[in-house]
Amino acid sequence: MKRISVFLLFCLFLAGISVAADYNILIYGAKNGQLSTVAIQKAVDECAAAGGGRVVVPAGTFVTGTVFLKSNVNLYLENGAVLQGSKDLKDYSRDGRSPGMVYCEDAI
């Protein structure tokens, strides 16, 4: 009986483990040295829709305006990765707000 209980607890533990995926911004069209806000946001949105994971910024310099993070999404910069803020203030406005480069609201 004890073996069955331990086995059931182990199965419940395994069921609770989720395998979070990585979403590399290059796959979504980010270009080293160029404005990549749209590509980064697409990676964040897809990651969130799948239940969460990591949005990976590889080595290089990626220019961005405001990126809106969502629940269960981690922004991960690899060694040598730089997120550089756009010099155009229009790249930071959305819905009449200018919240900055990385913004998160009501996320868990």
N, C-alpha and C. Protein backbone atom coordinates (compact mmCIF):
# COMPACT_ATOMS: atom_id res chain seq x y z
N MET A 1 0.82 -1.19 0.00
CA MET A 1 0.00 0.00 0.00
C MET A 1 0.87 1.26 0.00
N LYS A 2 1.98 1.19 0.78
CA LYS A 2 2.87 2.34 0.85
C LYS A 2 3.51 2.62 -0.51
N ARG A 3 3.86 1.58 -1.26
CA ARG A 3 4.46 1.76 -2.58
C ARG A 3 3.49 2.45 -3.53
N ILE A 4 2.24 2.06 -3.47
CA ILE A 4 1.22 2.68 -4.34
C ILE A 4 1.08 4.16 -3.99
N SER A 5 1.05 4.49 -2.72
CA SER A 5 0.93 5.88 -2.29
C SER A 5 2.11 6.72 -2.78
N VAL A 6 3.31 6.18 -2.63
CA VAL A 6 4.51 6.88 -3.08
C VAL A 6 4.47 7.05 -4.60
N PHE A 7 4.07 6.03 -5.32
CA PHE A 7 3.98 6.10 -6.77
C PHE A 7 2.96 7.16 -7.20
N LEU A 8 1.81 7.20 -6.55
CA LEU A 8 0.79 8.20 -6.88
C LEU A 8 1.28 9.62 -6.61
N LEU A 9 1.97 9.81 -5.50
CA LEU A 9 2.53 11.12 -5.20
C LEU A 9 3.57 11.53 -6.24
N PHE A 10 4.39 10.57 -6.67
CA PHE A 10 5.38 10.84 -7.69
C PHE A 10 4.71 11.24 -9.00
N CYS A 11 3.65 10.56 -9.38
CA CYS A 11 2.92 10.88 -10.61
C CYS A 11 2.30 12.28 -10.53
N LEU A 12 1.76 12.63 -9.38
CA LEU A 12 1.21 13.96 -9.21
C LEU A 12 2.29 15.03 -9.31
N PHE A 13 3.45 14.73 -8.77
CA PHE A 13 4.58 15.64 -8.86
C PHE A 13 4.98 15.85 -10.31
N LEU A 14 5.10 14.78 -11.08
CA LEU A 14 5.48 14.88 -12.48
C LEU A 14 4.43 15.64 -13.29
N ALA A 15 3.17 15.45 -12.97
CA ALA A 15 2.11 16.14 -13.69
C ALA A 15 2.19 17.64 -13.45
N GLY A 16 2.69 18.06 -12.31
CA GLY A 16 2.80 19.47 -11.98
C GLY A 16 3.99 20.17 -12.60
N ILE A 17 4.91 19.41 -13.14
CA ILE A 17 6.10 20.00 -13.77
C ILE A 17 5.75 20.38 -15.20
N SER A 18 5.98 21.63 -15.51
CA SER A 18 5.75 22.04 -16.89
C SER A 18 7.10 22.30 -17.55
N VAL A 19 7.18 21.97 -18.79
CA VAL A 19 8.41 22.18 -19.53
C VAL A 19 8.25 23.50 -20.28
N ALA A 20 8.85 24.54 -19.73
CA ALA A 20 8.75 25.86 -20.34
C ALA A 20 9.67 25.92 -21.55
N ALA A 21 9.16 26.49 -22.60
CA ALA A 21 9.93 26.59 -23.84
C ALA A 21 10.68 27.91 -23.92
N ASP A 22 11.68 27.94 -24.79
CA ASP A 22 12.42 29.15 -25.10
C ASP A 22 11.91 29.72 -26.42
N TYR A 23 11.81 31.04 -26.48
CA TYR A 23 11.34 31.74 -27.67
C TYR A 23 12.43 32.74 -28.06
N ASN A 24 13.28 32.33 -29.00
CA ASN A 24 14.40 33.16 -29.43
C ASN A 24 13.88 34.26 -30.35
N ILE A 25 14.22 35.50 -30.04
CA ILE A 25 13.69 36.63 -30.80
C ILE A 25 14.13 36.63 -32.27
N LEU A 26 15.23 35.96 -32.59
CA LEU A 26 15.68 35.88 -33.98
C LEU A 26 14.65 35.16 -34.85
N ILE A 27 13.99 34.17 -34.28
CA ILE A 27 12.98 33.41 -35.02
C ILE A 27 11.80 34.29 -35.41
N TYR A 28 11.58 35.34 -34.64
CA TYR A 28 10.44 36.23 -34.87
C TYR A 28 10.83 37.46 -35.68
N GLY A 29 12.05 37.50 -36.17
CA GLY A 29 12.48 38.55 -37.08
C GLY A 29 13.36 39.63 -36.50
N ALA A 30 13.82 39.49 -35.26
CA ALA A 30 14.71 40.48 -34.68
C ALA A 30 16.03 40.50 -35.45
N LYS A 31 16.56 41.70 -35.65
CA LYS A 31 17.82 41.87 -36.37
C LYS A 31 18.82 42.63 -35.51
N ASN A 32 20.02 42.11 -35.46
CA ASN A 32 21.10 42.74 -34.70
C ASN A 32 21.32 44.16 -35.21
N GLY A 33 21.28 45.15 -34.30
CA GLY A 33 21.53 46.53 -34.66
C GLY A 33 20.34 47.27 -35.24
N GLN A 34 19.18 46.61 -35.33
CA GLN A 34 18.01 47.23 -35.92
C GLN A 34 16.85 47.24 -34.93
N LEU A 35 15.86 48.12 -35.19
CA LEU A 35 14.67 48.17 -34.36
C LEU A 35 13.96 46.82 -34.42
N SER A 36 13.78 46.18 -33.28
CA SER A 36 13.23 44.82 -33.22
C SER A 36 12.05 44.71 -32.28
N THR A 37 11.40 45.82 -31.97
CA THR A 37 10.29 45.81 -31.02
C THR A 37 9.20 44.83 -31.42
N VAL A 38 8.80 44.85 -32.68
CA VAL A 38 7.70 43.99 -33.14
C VAL A 38 8.07 42.52 -32.97
N ALA A 39 9.29 42.15 -33.33
CA ALA A 39 9.73 40.76 -33.20
C ALA A 39 9.78 40.32 -31.74
N ILE A 40 10.29 41.20 -30.88
CA ILE A 40 10.37 40.86 -29.46
C ILE A 40 8.97 40.70 -28.88
N GLN A 41 8.05 41.59 -29.25
CA GLN A 41 6.69 41.50 -28.74
C GLN A 41 5.99 40.25 -29.24
N LYS A 42 6.23 39.87 -30.49
CA LYS A 42 5.66 38.62 -31.02
C LYS A 42 6.13 37.42 -30.20
N ALA A 43 7.42 37.39 -29.86
CA ALA A 43 7.95 36.30 -29.05
C ALA A 43 7.30 36.28 -27.67
N VAL A 44 7.14 37.46 -27.06
CA VAL A 44 6.47 37.54 -25.75
C VAL A 44 5.04 37.06 -25.84
N ASP A 45 4.31 37.49 -26.86
CA ASP A 45 2.91 37.13 -27.02
C ASP A 45 2.73 35.62 -27.23
N GLU A 46 3.59 35.04 -28.07
CA GLU A 46 3.49 33.60 -28.31
C GLU A 46 3.87 32.80 -27.07
N CYS A 47 4.88 33.25 -26.37
CA CYS A 47 5.30 32.60 -25.13
C CYS A 47 4.15 32.62 -24.11
N ALA A 48 3.52 33.76 -23.95
CA ALA A 48 2.40 33.88 -23.00
C ALA A 48 1.23 33.00 -23.42
N ALA A 49 0.93 32.97 -24.71
CA ALA A 49 -0.20 32.16 -25.21
C ALA A 49 0.04 30.68 -24.97
N ALA A 50 1.30 30.26 -24.94
CA ALA A 50 1.64 28.85 -24.71
C ALA A 50 1.73 28.51 -23.22
N GLY A 51 1.47 29.49 -22.36
CA GLY A 51 1.51 29.22 -20.92
C GLY A 51 2.76 29.72 -20.22
N GLY A 52 3.70 30.28 -20.98
CA GLY A 52 4.89 30.85 -20.37
C GLY A 52 6.16 30.18 -20.81
N GLY A 53 7.27 30.79 -20.41
CA GLY A 53 8.60 30.30 -20.77
C GLY A 53 9.56 31.45 -20.76
N ARG A 54 10.60 31.33 -21.60
CA ARG A 54 11.64 32.37 -21.67
C ARG A 54 11.67 32.97 -23.07
N VAL A 55 11.71 34.29 -23.13
CA VAL A 55 11.99 34.99 -24.37
C VAL A 55 13.49 35.27 -24.34
N VAL A 56 14.19 34.67 -25.27
CA VAL A 56 15.66 34.70 -25.26
C VAL A 56 16.18 35.75 -26.23
N VAL A 57 17.02 36.63 -25.68
CA VAL A 57 17.74 37.62 -26.48
C VAL A 57 19.17 37.11 -26.61
N PRO A 58 19.57 36.72 -27.83
CA PRO A 58 20.92 36.17 -28.01
C PRO A 58 21.97 37.29 -28.02
N ALA A 59 23.23 36.91 -28.09
CA ALA A 59 24.32 37.89 -28.14
C ALA A 59 24.11 38.82 -29.33
N GLY A 60 24.34 40.08 -29.09
CA GLY A 60 24.14 41.10 -30.11
C GLY A 60 23.44 42.29 -29.48
N THR A 61 23.24 43.34 -30.27
CA THR A 61 22.56 44.54 -29.81
C THR A 61 21.25 44.65 -30.56
N PHE A 62 20.15 44.66 -29.82
CA PHE A 62 18.82 44.72 -30.41
C PHE A 62 18.13 45.97 -29.90
N VAL A 63 17.72 46.83 -30.84
CA VAL A 63 17.08 48.09 -30.52
C VAL A 63 15.60 47.84 -30.32
N THR A 64 15.03 48.48 -29.29
CA THR A 64 13.62 48.26 -29.01
C THR A 64 12.96 49.50 -28.44
N GLY A 65 11.68 49.59 -28.69
CA GLY A 65 10.82 50.54 -28.00
C GLY A 65 10.19 49.77 -26.85
N THR A 66 8.96 50.12 -26.49
CA THR A 66 8.31 49.46 -25.37
C THR A 66 7.94 48.02 -25.70
N VAL A 67 8.33 47.11 -24.81
CA VAL A 67 7.95 45.70 -24.87
C VAL A 67 7.06 45.44 -23.66
N PHE A 68 5.87 44.90 -23.91
CA PHE A 68 4.92 44.62 -22.84
C PHE A 68 5.03 43.16 -22.43
N LEU A 69 5.63 42.92 -21.25
CA LEU A 69 5.74 41.55 -20.74
C LEU A 69 4.40 41.07 -20.22
N LYS A 70 4.24 39.77 -20.15
CA LYS A 70 2.99 39.16 -19.70
C LYS A 70 3.28 38.10 -18.64
N SER A 71 2.22 37.60 -18.04
CA SER A 71 2.35 36.60 -16.99
C SER A 71 3.14 35.39 -17.47
N ASN A 72 3.98 34.89 -16.58
CA ASN A 72 4.76 33.66 -16.79
C ASN A 72 5.78 33.76 -17.92
N VAL A 73 6.14 34.98 -18.30
CA VAL A 73 7.14 35.19 -19.35
C VAL A 73 8.38 35.81 -18.72
N ASN A 74 9.52 35.17 -18.94
CA ASN A 74 10.80 35.68 -18.44
C ASN A 74 11.61 36.20 -19.63
N LEU A 75 12.12 37.40 -19.50
CA LEU A 75 13.00 37.96 -20.52
C LEU A 75 14.42 37.58 -20.14
N TYR A 76 15.08 36.81 -20.99
CA TYR A 76 16.40 36.25 -20.68
C TYR A 76 17.41 36.77 -21.68
N LEU A 77 18.42 37.47 -21.20
CA LEU A 77 19.50 37.96 -22.05
C LEU A 77 20.71 37.05 -21.90
N GLU A 78 21.14 36.46 -23.03
CA GLU A 78 22.33 35.62 -23.01
C GLU A 78 23.57 36.49 -22.85
N ASN A 79 24.71 35.86 -22.56
CA ASN A 79 25.96 36.60 -22.48
C ASN A 79 26.20 37.37 -23.77
N GLY A 80 26.52 38.65 -23.65
CA GLY A 80 26.78 39.46 -24.82
C GLY A 80 25.54 40.09 -25.43
N ALA A 81 24.39 39.86 -24.84
CA ALA A 81 23.14 40.43 -25.36
C ALA A 81 22.92 41.82 -24.78
N VAL A 82 22.46 42.74 -25.64
CA VAL A 82 22.15 44.10 -25.22
C VAL A 82 20.79 44.48 -25.78
N LEU A 83 19.91 44.96 -24.92
CA LEU A 83 18.67 45.59 -25.37
C LEU A 83 18.92 47.09 -25.29
N GLN A 84 18.96 47.71 -26.45
CA GLN A 84 19.23 49.14 -26.52
C GLN A 84 17.94 49.88 -26.79
N GLY A 85 17.66 50.88 -26.00
CA GLY A 85 16.46 51.68 -26.20
C GLY A 85 16.52 52.48 -27.48
N SER A 86 15.40 52.53 -28.18
CA SER A 86 15.30 53.32 -29.40
C SER A 86 15.49 54.80 -29.08
N LYS A 87 16.05 55.53 -30.01
CA LYS A 87 16.23 56.98 -29.84
C LYS A 87 14.98 57.75 -30.25
N ASP A 88 14.02 57.06 -30.89
CA ASP A 88 12.78 57.70 -31.33
C ASP A 88 11.72 57.54 -30.25
N LEU A 89 11.29 58.65 -29.66
CA LEU A 89 10.32 58.59 -28.56
C LEU A 89 8.98 57.99 -28.98
N LYS A 90 8.67 58.03 -30.28
CA LYS A 90 7.41 57.43 -30.77
C LYS A 90 7.39 55.92 -30.57
N ASP A 91 8.55 55.31 -30.44
CA ASP A 91 8.64 53.85 -30.25
C ASP A 91 8.23 53.43 -28.85
N TYR A 92 7.98 54.40 -27.97
CA TYR A 92 7.63 54.10 -26.59
C TYR A 92 6.17 54.38 -26.26
N SER A 93 5.37 54.70 -27.23
CA SER A 93 3.99 55.06 -26.95
C SER A 93 3.05 53.95 -27.42
N ARG A 94 2.07 53.65 -26.57
CA ARG A 94 1.05 52.68 -26.93
C ARG A 94 -0.21 53.01 -26.14
N ASP A 95 -1.31 53.11 -26.82
CA ASP A 95 -2.59 53.43 -26.19
C ASP A 95 -2.50 54.74 -25.40
N GLY A 96 -1.76 55.70 -25.92
CA GLY A 96 -1.64 56.99 -25.27
C GLY A 96 -0.72 57.02 -24.06
N ARG A 97 -0.03 55.91 -23.78
CA ARG A 97 0.88 55.83 -22.64
C ARG A 97 2.31 55.73 -23.15
N SER A 98 3.23 56.21 -22.35
CA SER A 98 4.66 56.07 -22.64
C SER A 98 5.33 55.41 -21.44
N PRO A 99 5.16 54.09 -21.29
CA PRO A 99 5.60 53.43 -20.06
C PRO A 99 7.08 53.08 -19.95
N GLY A 100 7.88 53.29 -20.96
CA GLY A 100 9.29 52.93 -20.87
C GLY A 100 9.63 51.77 -21.78
N MET A 101 10.81 51.19 -21.57
CA MET A 101 11.29 50.14 -22.49
C MET A 101 10.69 48.77 -22.21
N VAL A 102 10.63 48.36 -20.96
CA VAL A 102 10.03 47.08 -20.61
C VAL A 102 8.93 47.37 -19.61
N TYR A 103 7.71 46.94 -19.93
CA TYR A 103 6.56 47.27 -19.11
C TYR A 103 5.76 46.02 -18.81
N CYS A 104 5.28 45.94 -17.60
CA CYS A 104 4.46 44.81 -17.17
C CYS A 104 3.36 45.32 -16.25
N GLU A 105 2.15 44.88 -16.50
CA GLU A 105 1.02 45.33 -15.68
C GLU A 105 0.08 44.16 -15.43
N ASP A 106 -0.34 44.01 -14.19
CA ASP A 106 -1.28 42.96 -13.79
C ASP A 106 -0.83 41.56 -14.18
N ALA A 107 0.46 41.31 -14.13
CA ALA A 107 0.99 39.98 -14.45
C ALA A 107 1.29 39.23 -13.16
N ILE A 108 1.29 37.92 -13.28
CA ILE A 108 1.61 37.08 -12.13
C ILE A 108 2.90 36.35 -12.39
